[in-house]
Amino acid sequence: MSRSPQDLRRLADELASLSPEERARLFSEASRRERLRPPPPEFAPPVLTGGTRWLGGNLRREDLYGDDGR
């Protein structure tokens, strides 16, 4: 959304007047909204091909990596 220079100046003044706690809450809320935007209508998730399917077995970390500290 395009804003006029006056709107941006007013928003900057309001932001500057917030306490550090209020500013942190504002940025947290704004970033949360940014992450939750729906994907565009033409988006299709990639489909991986190749390899084989999982045939069973234990997927515990110790069984996958052994005892080498990973």
N, C-alpha and C. Protein backbone atom coordinates (compact mmCIF):
# COMPACT_ATOMS: atom_id res chain seq x y z
N MET A 1 0.84 -1.17 0.00
CA MET A 1 0.00 0.00 0.00
C MET A 1 0.89 1.23 0.00
N SER A 2 0.64 2.12 -0.91
CA SER A 2 1.43 3.34 -1.01
C SER A 2 0.91 4.37 -0.02
N ARG A 3 1.81 5.03 0.62
CA ARG A 3 1.42 6.06 1.60
C ARG A 3 2.03 7.39 1.18
N SER A 4 1.36 8.43 1.59
CA SER A 4 1.87 9.77 1.29
C SER A 4 3.04 10.08 2.24
N PRO A 5 3.89 11.02 1.87
CA PRO A 5 4.99 11.40 2.77
C PRO A 5 4.48 11.88 4.14
N GLN A 6 3.33 12.54 4.17
CA GLN A 6 2.78 13.01 5.44
C GLN A 6 2.38 11.82 6.32
N ASP A 7 1.78 10.79 5.71
CA ASP A 7 1.42 9.60 6.48
C ASP A 7 2.66 8.92 7.05
N LEU A 8 3.69 8.80 6.24
CA LEU A 8 4.93 8.16 6.71
C LEU A 8 5.57 8.96 7.84
N ARG A 9 5.55 10.29 7.73
CA ARG A 9 6.11 11.13 8.79
C ARG A 9 5.32 10.94 10.08
N ARG A 10 3.98 10.89 9.99
CA ARG A 10 3.14 10.70 11.16
C ARG A 10 3.42 9.34 11.81
N LEU A 11 3.55 8.29 10.98
CA LEU A 11 3.85 6.97 11.52
C LEU A 11 5.22 6.94 12.19
N ALA A 12 6.20 7.60 11.58
CA ALA A 12 7.54 7.66 12.18
C ALA A 12 7.50 8.38 13.52
N ASP A 13 6.73 9.46 13.61
CA ASP A 13 6.60 10.18 14.88
C ASP A 13 5.95 9.31 15.94
N GLU A 14 4.90 8.58 15.55
CA GLU A 14 4.23 7.70 16.50
C GLU A 14 5.16 6.58 16.97
N LEU A 15 5.92 6.02 16.06
CA LEU A 15 6.87 4.97 16.42
C LEU A 15 7.93 5.51 17.37
N ALA A 16 8.42 6.70 17.10
CA ALA A 16 9.46 7.29 17.97
C ALA A 16 8.92 7.57 19.37
N SER A 17 7.63 7.79 19.49
CA SER A 17 7.07 8.12 20.80
C SER A 17 6.76 6.88 21.65
N LEU A 18 6.87 5.70 21.08
CA LEU A 18 6.58 4.47 21.83
C LEU A 18 7.72 4.13 22.78
N SER A 19 7.36 3.46 23.87
CA SER A 19 8.38 2.96 24.79
C SER A 19 9.06 1.75 24.14
N PRO A 20 10.25 1.37 24.62
CA PRO A 20 10.91 0.20 24.05
C PRO A 20 10.05 -1.07 24.11
N GLU A 21 9.29 -1.24 25.19
CA GLU A 21 8.42 -2.41 25.30
C GLU A 21 7.30 -2.37 24.27
N GLU A 22 6.68 -1.19 24.10
CA GLU A 22 5.62 -1.05 23.11
C GLU A 22 6.16 -1.26 21.69
N ARG A 23 7.35 -0.75 21.45
CA ARG A 23 7.97 -0.90 20.13
C ARG A 23 8.27 -2.37 19.84
N ALA A 24 8.75 -3.10 20.85
CA ALA A 24 9.03 -4.53 20.67
C ALA A 24 7.74 -5.29 20.37
N ARG A 25 6.66 -4.96 21.08
CA ARG A 25 5.37 -5.61 20.82
C ARG A 25 4.88 -5.31 19.41
N LEU A 26 5.05 -4.06 18.99
CA LEU A 26 4.62 -3.65 17.65
C LEU A 26 5.39 -4.42 16.58
N PHE A 27 6.71 -4.49 16.71
CA PHE A 27 7.52 -5.21 15.71
C PHE A 27 7.20 -6.70 15.71
N SER A 28 6.94 -7.26 16.89
CA SER A 28 6.59 -8.68 16.98
C SER A 28 5.28 -8.94 16.24
N GLU A 29 4.29 -8.10 16.48
CA GLU A 29 2.99 -8.26 15.81
C GLU A 29 3.13 -8.07 14.31
N ALA A 30 3.89 -7.08 13.89
CA ALA A 30 4.05 -6.82 12.46
C ALA A 30 4.76 -7.98 11.77
N SER A 31 5.78 -8.54 12.40
CA SER A 31 6.50 -9.66 11.78
C SER A 31 5.64 -10.90 11.75
N ARG A 32 4.80 -11.09 12.76
CA ARG A 32 3.89 -12.24 12.77
C ARG A 32 2.90 -12.14 11.62
N ARG A 33 2.38 -10.98 11.37
CA ARG A 33 1.44 -10.80 10.26
C ARG A 33 2.13 -11.03 8.93
N GLU A 34 3.36 -10.62 8.81
CA GLU A 34 4.11 -10.78 7.56
C GLU A 34 4.31 -12.27 7.25
N ARG A 35 4.60 -13.06 8.27
CA ARG A 35 4.86 -14.48 8.06
C ARG A 35 3.59 -15.25 7.70
N LEU A 36 2.43 -14.75 8.09
CA LEU A 36 1.21 -15.50 7.89
C LEU A 36 0.44 -15.12 6.63
N ARG A 37 1.07 -14.39 5.74
CA ARG A 37 0.38 -14.03 4.51
C ARG A 37 0.12 -15.29 3.69
N PRO A 38 -1.05 -15.37 3.07
CA PRO A 38 -1.33 -16.56 2.26
C PRO A 38 -0.47 -16.57 1.00
N PRO A 39 -0.17 -17.74 0.48
CA PRO A 39 0.63 -17.81 -0.75
C PRO A 39 -0.18 -17.27 -1.93
N PRO A 40 0.50 -16.83 -2.98
CA PRO A 40 -0.22 -16.35 -4.16
C PRO A 40 -1.03 -17.48 -4.78
N PRO A 41 -2.10 -17.15 -5.50
CA PRO A 41 -2.98 -18.18 -6.05
C PRO A 41 -2.27 -19.16 -6.99
N GLU A 42 -1.25 -18.71 -7.69
CA GLU A 42 -0.57 -19.59 -8.65
C GLU A 42 0.52 -20.44 -8.00
N PHE A 43 0.69 -20.34 -6.68
CA PHE A 43 1.73 -21.09 -5.99
C PHE A 43 1.43 -22.58 -5.99
N ALA A 44 2.42 -23.37 -6.29
CA ALA A 44 2.32 -24.83 -6.18
C ALA A 44 3.59 -25.31 -5.48
N PRO A 45 3.45 -26.05 -4.38
CA PRO A 45 4.64 -26.50 -3.68
C PRO A 45 5.45 -27.46 -4.55
N PRO A 46 6.78 -27.41 -4.43
CA PRO A 46 7.60 -28.30 -5.24
C PRO A 46 7.39 -29.76 -4.85
N VAL A 47 7.44 -30.62 -5.82
CA VAL A 47 7.31 -32.06 -5.58
C VAL A 47 8.67 -32.69 -5.85
N LEU A 48 9.19 -33.34 -4.83
CA LEU A 48 10.49 -33.97 -4.96
C LEU A 48 10.34 -35.33 -5.61
N THR A 49 11.27 -35.64 -6.48
CA THR A 49 11.24 -36.95 -7.13
C THR A 49 12.60 -37.61 -6.96
N GLY A 50 12.64 -38.88 -7.24
CA GLY A 50 13.91 -39.60 -7.13
C GLY A 50 14.02 -40.31 -5.80
N GLY A 51 15.05 -41.07 -5.67
CA GLY A 51 15.24 -41.82 -4.44
C GLY A 51 14.22 -42.93 -4.30
N THR A 52 14.16 -43.47 -3.12
CA THR A 52 13.20 -44.54 -2.86
C THR A 52 12.39 -44.17 -1.64
N ARG A 53 11.33 -44.89 -1.44
CA ARG A 53 10.51 -44.62 -0.27
C ARG A 53 11.14 -45.26 0.96
N TRP A 54 10.72 -44.80 2.12
CA TRP A 54 11.23 -45.33 3.38
C TRP A 54 10.68 -46.73 3.58
N LEU A 55 11.55 -47.67 3.84
CA LEU A 55 11.15 -49.07 3.94
C LEU A 55 11.03 -49.53 5.39
N GLY A 56 11.18 -48.65 6.29
CA GLY A 56 11.05 -49.01 7.70
C GLY A 56 12.38 -48.89 8.40
N GLY A 57 12.33 -49.16 9.64
CA GLY A 57 13.55 -49.05 10.44
C GLY A 57 13.40 -47.93 11.45
N ASN A 58 14.27 -47.94 12.40
CA ASN A 58 14.22 -46.98 13.48
C ASN A 58 14.82 -45.66 13.02
N LEU A 59 14.17 -44.57 13.37
CA LEU A 59 14.67 -43.25 13.01
C LEU A 59 15.20 -42.50 14.23
N ARG A 60 15.57 -43.22 15.26
CA ARG A 60 16.15 -42.55 16.43
C ARG A 60 17.49 -41.94 16.05
N ARG A 61 17.81 -40.85 16.67
CA ARG A 61 19.05 -40.15 16.36
C ARG A 61 20.27 -41.03 16.58
N GLU A 62 20.26 -41.79 17.66
CA GLU A 62 21.39 -42.65 17.98
C GLU A 62 21.58 -43.72 16.89
N ASP A 63 20.48 -44.21 16.34
CA ASP A 63 20.58 -45.23 15.31
C ASP A 63 21.04 -44.65 13.97
N LEU A 64 20.65 -43.42 13.71
CA LEU A 64 21.05 -42.79 12.45
C LEU A 64 22.52 -42.38 12.44
N TYR A 65 22.97 -41.80 13.56
CA TYR A 65 24.33 -41.23 13.60
C TYR A 65 25.32 -42.01 14.42
N GLY A 66 24.88 -42.99 15.15
CA GLY A 66 25.80 -43.70 16.02
C GLY A 66 26.12 -42.86 17.24
N ASP A 67 27.26 -43.10 17.84
CA ASP A 67 27.64 -42.39 19.06
C ASP A 67 28.82 -41.48 18.79
N ASP A 68 28.75 -40.69 17.72
CA ASP A 68 29.88 -39.79 17.43
C ASP A 68 29.61 -38.36 17.85
N GLY A 69 28.62 -38.14 18.71
CA GLY A 69 28.41 -36.82 19.29
C GLY A 69 27.61 -35.85 18.46
N ARG A 70 26.97 -36.30 17.44
CA ARG A 70 26.15 -35.36 16.64
C ARG A 70 24.87 -35.05 17.31
